[in-house]
Amino acid sequence: MSQVTVFTGPERRRRWSEDDRRRIVLAAFSPGAVVTQVARQFDVSTALIYKWRQEARKQAVGFAPVMLTPEPLAQPAPVDGAAILVDLADGSRVSIGAGVSPALAAATLRALRG
């Protein structure tokens, strides 16, 4: 006679969407967060969170020093050390520092446009 074993409980091999991965990585590496606690909260292994972070770093272009002002200024005035000032549709202003590489400045402007 044959025997059948039935496993109950959550499936161990799950598929995570890009949005879920991004949300979990951001939660795990936000200031004051503990990776193991976030891993338990989302029921995912810590090794997988570190792997997702590593993959995200490979895809990231980089970060540029940026300063946002909550209200539009009366007249355009350059921020100290700013090479590029971008006024956004919501009235805020983005300032990109003079020391930023041209490739990084271009990537920042593309991100703001999209």
N, C-alpha and C. Protein backbone atom coordinates (compact mmCIF):
# COMPACT_ATOMS: atom_id res chain seq x y z
N MET A 1 0.84 -1.18 0.00
CA MET A 1 0.00 0.00 0.00
C MET A 1 0.89 1.25 0.00
N SER A 2 0.54 2.23 -0.83
CA SER A 2 1.34 3.45 -0.90
C SER A 2 0.96 4.43 0.21
N GLN A 3 1.86 5.31 0.48
CA GLN A 3 1.65 6.28 1.56
C GLN A 3 1.76 7.68 0.98
N VAL A 4 0.90 8.59 1.43
CA VAL A 4 0.90 9.98 0.98
C VAL A 4 1.13 10.87 2.19
N THR A 5 2.06 11.81 2.06
CA THR A 5 2.32 12.77 3.14
C THR A 5 1.80 14.12 2.69
N VAL A 6 1.01 14.77 3.54
CA VAL A 6 0.44 16.07 3.23
C VAL A 6 1.07 17.10 4.17
N PHE A 7 1.70 18.11 3.60
CA PHE A 7 2.29 19.17 4.40
C PHE A 7 1.29 20.32 4.48
N THR A 8 1.07 20.81 5.68
CA THR A 8 0.15 21.93 5.85
C THR A 8 0.95 23.15 6.29
N GLY A 9 0.34 24.29 6.22
CA GLY A 9 1.00 25.52 6.62
C GLY A 9 1.39 26.34 5.40
N PRO A 10 2.07 27.44 5.63
CA PRO A 10 2.40 28.32 4.51
C PRO A 10 3.41 27.68 3.57
N GLU A 11 3.26 27.98 2.31
CA GLU A 11 4.20 27.49 1.30
C GLU A 11 5.55 28.16 1.55
N ARG A 12 6.62 27.44 1.51
CA ARG A 12 7.93 28.00 1.83
C ARG A 12 8.57 28.72 0.65
N ARG A 13 8.22 28.37 -0.55
CA ARG A 13 8.82 29.04 -1.71
C ARG A 13 7.81 30.05 -2.24
N ARG A 14 8.09 31.31 -1.95
CA ARG A 14 7.16 32.35 -2.39
C ARG A 14 7.80 33.20 -3.47
N ARG A 15 6.98 33.87 -4.20
CA ARG A 15 7.43 34.81 -5.22
C ARG A 15 7.13 36.21 -4.71
N TRP A 16 8.16 37.04 -4.63
CA TRP A 16 8.00 38.40 -4.14
C TRP A 16 8.03 39.37 -5.31
N SER A 17 7.10 40.29 -5.35
CA SER A 17 7.09 41.30 -6.42
C SER A 17 8.21 42.30 -6.16
N GLU A 18 8.57 43.05 -7.19
CA GLU A 18 9.61 44.08 -7.04
C GLU A 18 9.21 45.11 -5.99
N ASP A 19 7.93 45.49 -5.96
CA ASP A 19 7.46 46.45 -4.97
C ASP A 19 7.59 45.90 -3.55
N ASP A 20 7.25 44.63 -3.36
CA ASP A 20 7.39 44.01 -2.05
C ASP A 20 8.86 43.95 -1.63
N ARG A 21 9.72 43.57 -2.55
CA ARG A 21 11.15 43.51 -2.24
C ARG A 21 11.67 44.88 -1.82
N ARG A 22 11.31 45.89 -2.61
CA ARG A 22 11.77 47.25 -2.33
C ARG A 22 11.26 47.71 -0.96
N ARG A 23 10.01 47.43 -0.67
CA ARG A 23 9.41 47.83 0.61
C ARG A 23 10.11 47.15 1.79
N ILE A 24 10.40 45.86 1.65
CA ILE A 24 11.06 45.12 2.72
C ILE A 24 12.49 45.60 2.92
N VAL A 25 13.23 45.82 1.83
CA VAL A 25 14.61 46.30 1.95
C VAL A 25 14.64 47.69 2.58
N LEU A 26 13.73 48.57 2.17
CA LEU A 26 13.68 49.90 2.75
C LEU A 26 13.36 49.83 4.24
N ALA A 27 12.46 48.95 4.62
CA ALA A 27 12.11 48.79 6.03
C ALA A 27 13.29 48.23 6.82
N ALA A 28 14.01 47.29 6.24
CA ALA A 28 15.12 46.64 6.95
C ALA A 28 16.31 47.57 7.15
N PHE A 29 16.52 48.50 6.24
CA PHE A 29 17.70 49.35 6.33
C PHE A 29 17.37 50.81 6.61
N SER A 30 16.18 51.06 7.10
CA SER A 30 15.84 52.41 7.53
C SER A 30 16.51 52.67 8.88
N PRO A 31 16.73 53.93 9.24
CA PRO A 31 17.41 54.25 10.50
C PRO A 31 16.70 53.61 11.70
N GLY A 32 17.47 52.92 12.52
CA GLY A 32 16.94 52.30 13.72
C GLY A 32 16.33 50.93 13.53
N ALA A 33 16.24 50.47 12.29
CA ALA A 33 15.63 49.16 12.03
C ALA A 33 16.63 48.05 12.30
N VAL A 34 16.12 46.88 12.66
CA VAL A 34 16.93 45.68 12.86
C VAL A 34 16.49 44.67 11.80
N VAL A 35 17.45 44.23 10.99
CA VAL A 35 17.14 43.37 9.85
C VAL A 35 16.42 42.10 10.30
N THR A 36 16.87 41.49 11.38
CA THR A 36 16.23 40.24 11.82
C THR A 36 14.79 40.46 12.23
N GLN A 37 14.49 41.60 12.84
CA GLN A 37 13.10 41.88 13.22
C GLN A 37 12.22 42.09 11.99
N VAL A 38 12.74 42.80 11.01
CA VAL A 38 11.98 43.01 9.77
C VAL A 38 11.79 41.68 9.05
N ALA A 39 12.82 40.84 9.06
CA ALA A 39 12.70 39.53 8.42
C ALA A 39 11.60 38.70 9.08
N ARG A 40 11.54 38.72 10.40
CA ARG A 40 10.47 37.99 11.10
C ARG A 40 9.10 38.59 10.78
N GLN A 41 9.03 39.91 10.73
CA GLN A 41 7.76 40.59 10.45
C GLN A 41 7.19 40.17 9.10
N PHE A 42 8.05 40.07 8.09
CA PHE A 42 7.59 39.73 6.74
C PHE A 42 7.75 38.24 6.43
N ASP A 43 8.23 37.47 7.41
CA ASP A 43 8.43 36.03 7.25
C ASP A 43 9.32 35.71 6.05
N VAL A 44 10.50 36.33 6.05
CA VAL A 44 11.48 36.13 5.00
C VAL A 44 12.85 35.97 5.67
N SER A 45 13.77 35.27 5.04
CA SER A 45 15.08 35.06 5.66
C SER A 45 15.92 36.33 5.56
N THR A 46 16.79 36.52 6.53
CA THR A 46 17.67 37.69 6.52
C THR A 46 18.62 37.64 5.31
N ALA A 47 19.06 36.43 4.95
CA ALA A 47 19.96 36.29 3.80
C ALA A 47 19.30 36.79 2.52
N LEU A 48 18.00 36.56 2.38
CA LEU A 48 17.28 37.02 1.20
C LEU A 48 17.18 38.54 1.18
N ILE A 49 17.00 39.15 2.34
CA ILE A 49 16.95 40.62 2.40
C ILE A 49 18.30 41.21 1.98
N TYR A 50 19.39 40.63 2.48
CA TYR A 50 20.72 41.12 2.08
C TYR A 50 20.97 40.91 0.59
N LYS A 51 20.48 39.80 0.04
CA LYS A 51 20.62 39.53 -1.39
C LYS A 51 19.86 40.58 -2.20
N TRP A 52 18.62 40.89 -1.78
CA TRP A 52 17.83 41.90 -2.48
C TRP A 52 18.51 43.26 -2.42
N ARG A 53 19.12 43.58 -1.27
CA ARG A 53 19.81 44.87 -1.15
C ARG A 53 21.00 44.92 -2.10
N GLN A 54 21.74 43.83 -2.18
CA GLN A 54 22.89 43.77 -3.07
C GLN A 54 22.45 43.94 -4.53
N GLU A 55 21.36 43.30 -4.92
CA GLU A 55 20.84 43.43 -6.29
C GLU A 55 20.40 44.86 -6.56
N ALA A 56 19.78 45.49 -5.57
CA ALA A 56 19.33 46.87 -5.74
C ALA A 56 20.51 47.82 -5.89
N ARG A 57 21.58 47.55 -5.16
CA ARG A 57 22.77 48.40 -5.27
C ARG A 57 23.41 48.30 -6.65
N LYS A 58 23.36 47.12 -7.26
CA LYS A 58 23.93 46.95 -8.60
C LYS A 58 23.16 47.76 -9.62
N GLN A 59 21.84 47.90 -9.41
CA GLN A 59 21.00 48.62 -10.36
C GLN A 59 21.00 50.12 -10.11
N ALA A 60 21.36 50.55 -8.90
CA ALA A 60 21.29 51.96 -8.55
C ALA A 60 22.38 52.75 -9.25
N VAL A 61 22.03 53.94 -9.69
CA VAL A 61 22.99 54.82 -10.33
C VAL A 61 23.84 55.49 -9.27
N GLY A 62 23.22 55.97 -8.21
CA GLY A 62 23.92 56.67 -7.14
C GLY A 62 23.05 57.74 -6.54
N PHE A 63 23.59 58.42 -5.58
CA PHE A 63 22.85 59.47 -4.91
C PHE A 63 23.58 60.79 -5.09
N ALA A 64 22.83 61.86 -5.16
CA ALA A 64 23.40 63.19 -5.27
C ALA A 64 22.92 64.02 -4.10
N PRO A 65 23.77 64.92 -3.60
CA PRO A 65 23.30 65.80 -2.54
C PRO A 65 22.19 66.71 -3.07
N VAL A 66 21.03 66.67 -2.45
CA VAL A 66 19.88 67.42 -2.92
C VAL A 66 19.24 68.13 -1.74
N MET A 67 18.73 69.33 -1.98
CA MET A 67 18.04 70.08 -0.94
C MET A 67 16.69 70.50 -1.49
N LEU A 68 15.59 70.13 -0.81
CA LEU A 68 14.25 70.52 -1.22
C LEU A 68 13.76 71.64 -0.32
N THR A 69 13.17 72.65 -0.92
CA THR A 69 12.56 73.72 -0.14
C THR A 69 11.05 73.53 -0.23
N PRO A 70 10.34 73.57 0.89
CA PRO A 70 8.91 73.29 0.87
C PRO A 70 8.07 74.34 0.16
N GLU A 71 8.49 75.57 0.14
CA GLU A 71 7.72 76.64 -0.51
C GLU A 71 8.59 77.31 -1.56
N PRO A 72 7.97 77.77 -2.64
CA PRO A 72 8.76 78.47 -3.64
C PRO A 72 9.29 79.79 -3.08
N LEU A 73 10.51 80.13 -3.49
CA LEU A 73 11.11 81.38 -3.06
C LEU A 73 10.53 82.53 -3.88
N ALA A 74 10.54 83.72 -3.33
CA ALA A 74 9.99 84.88 -4.02
C ALA A 74 10.71 85.13 -5.34
N GLN A 75 12.02 85.04 -5.33
CA GLN A 75 12.77 85.18 -6.56
C GLN A 75 13.87 84.12 -6.56
N PRO A 76 14.20 83.62 -7.72
CA PRO A 76 15.21 82.56 -7.76
C PRO A 76 16.53 83.03 -7.18
N ALA A 77 16.95 82.39 -6.13
CA ALA A 77 18.23 82.70 -5.51
C ALA A 77 19.01 81.40 -5.40
N PRO A 78 20.25 81.39 -5.87
CA PRO A 78 21.02 80.14 -5.81
C PRO A 78 21.30 79.73 -4.36
N VAL A 79 21.21 78.44 -4.13
CA VAL A 79 21.55 77.88 -2.82
C VAL A 79 23.07 77.74 -2.79
N ASP A 80 23.68 77.98 -1.64
CA ASP A 80 25.15 77.91 -1.53
C ASP A 80 25.69 76.63 -2.14
N GLY A 81 26.63 76.75 -3.06
CA GLY A 81 27.27 75.61 -3.68
C GLY A 81 26.44 74.92 -4.75
N ALA A 82 25.29 75.48 -5.09
CA ALA A 82 24.41 74.84 -6.07
C ALA A 82 24.85 75.18 -7.48
N ALA A 83 24.84 74.19 -8.33
CA ALA A 83 25.14 74.41 -9.74
C ALA A 83 23.86 74.38 -10.56
N ILE A 84 22.86 73.60 -10.09
CA ILE A 84 21.60 73.45 -10.82
C ILE A 84 20.45 73.62 -9.84
N LEU A 85 19.51 74.49 -10.19
CA LEU A 85 18.28 74.65 -9.42
C LEU A 85 17.12 74.21 -10.30
N VAL A 86 16.28 73.32 -9.78
CA VAL A 86 15.14 72.82 -10.54
C VAL A 86 13.88 73.13 -9.75
N ASP A 87 12.97 73.91 -10.35
CA ASP A 87 11.68 74.19 -9.72
C ASP A 87 10.69 73.14 -10.19
N LEU A 88 10.10 72.42 -9.23
CA LEU A 88 9.15 71.36 -9.56
C LEU A 88 7.74 71.91 -9.65
N ALA A 89 6.86 71.15 -10.27
CA ALA A 89 5.48 71.58 -10.50
C ALA A 89 4.74 71.84 -9.18
N ASP A 90 5.10 71.12 -8.12
CA ASP A 90 4.41 71.31 -6.84
C ASP A 90 4.91 72.53 -6.08
N GLY A 91 5.85 73.29 -6.68
CA GLY A 91 6.34 74.51 -6.06
C GLY A 91 7.62 74.32 -5.26
N SER A 92 8.07 73.09 -5.08
CA SER A 92 9.32 72.88 -4.36
C SER A 92 10.50 73.04 -5.31
N ARG A 93 11.67 73.20 -4.74
CA ARG A 93 12.87 73.44 -5.52
C ARG A 93 13.92 72.40 -5.16
N VAL A 94 14.58 71.84 -6.16
CA VAL A 94 15.66 70.88 -5.97
C VAL A 94 16.97 71.56 -6.34
N SER A 95 17.95 71.42 -5.48
CA SER A 95 19.26 72.01 -5.71
C SER A 95 20.29 70.90 -5.83
N ILE A 96 21.01 70.84 -6.96
CA ILE A 96 22.04 69.83 -7.18
C ILE A 96 23.39 70.50 -7.03
N GLY A 97 24.21 69.95 -6.16
CA GLY A 97 25.51 70.55 -5.83
C GLY A 97 26.47 70.61 -7.00
N ALA A 98 27.42 71.54 -6.91
CA ALA A 98 28.39 71.75 -7.98
C ALA A 98 29.38 70.60 -8.11
N GLY A 99 29.60 69.83 -7.04
CA GLY A 99 30.57 68.75 -7.07
C GLY A 99 30.05 67.45 -7.64
N VAL A 100 28.81 67.43 -8.09
CA VAL A 100 28.20 66.21 -8.60
C VAL A 100 28.69 65.94 -10.02
N SER A 101 28.95 64.67 -10.32
CA SER A 101 29.41 64.32 -11.67
C SER A 101 28.30 64.58 -12.69
N PRO A 102 28.67 64.89 -13.92
CA PRO A 102 27.65 65.13 -14.95
C PRO A 102 26.71 63.95 -15.16
N ALA A 103 27.23 62.72 -15.09
CA ALA A 103 26.38 61.55 -15.28
C ALA A 103 25.34 61.44 -14.16
N LEU A 104 25.76 61.72 -12.93
CA LEU A 104 24.85 61.64 -11.80
C LEU A 104 23.81 62.77 -11.86
N ALA A 105 24.22 63.95 -12.26
CA ALA A 105 23.27 65.06 -12.41
C ALA A 105 22.24 64.73 -13.50
N ALA A 106 22.69 64.14 -14.61
CA ALA A 106 21.77 63.77 -15.68
C ALA A 106 20.79 62.70 -15.21
N ALA A 107 21.28 61.72 -14.45
CA ALA A 107 20.40 60.67 -13.93
C ALA A 107 19.38 61.25 -12.96
N THR A 108 19.81 62.20 -12.15
CA THR A 108 18.89 62.86 -11.21
C THR A 108 17.80 63.60 -11.94
N LEU A 109 18.16 64.35 -12.97
CA LEU A 109 17.18 65.10 -13.75
C LEU A 109 16.22 64.16 -14.49
N ARG A 110 16.73 63.03 -14.99
CA ARG A 110 15.86 62.04 -15.64
C ARG A 110 14.87 61.49 -14.62
N ALA A 111 15.33 61.22 -13.40
CA ALA A 111 14.44 60.69 -12.36
C ALA A 111 13.37 61.70 -11.97
N LEU A 112 13.73 62.97 -11.92
CA LEU A 112 12.75 64.00 -11.58
C LEU A 112 11.72 64.18 -12.67
N ARG A 113 12.12 63.98 -13.90
CA ARG A 113 11.21 64.12 -15.03
C ARG A 113 10.19 63.00 -15.05
N GLY A 114 10.62 61.78 -14.63
CA GLY A 114 9.74 60.61 -14.72
C GLY A 114 8.89 60.44 -13.56
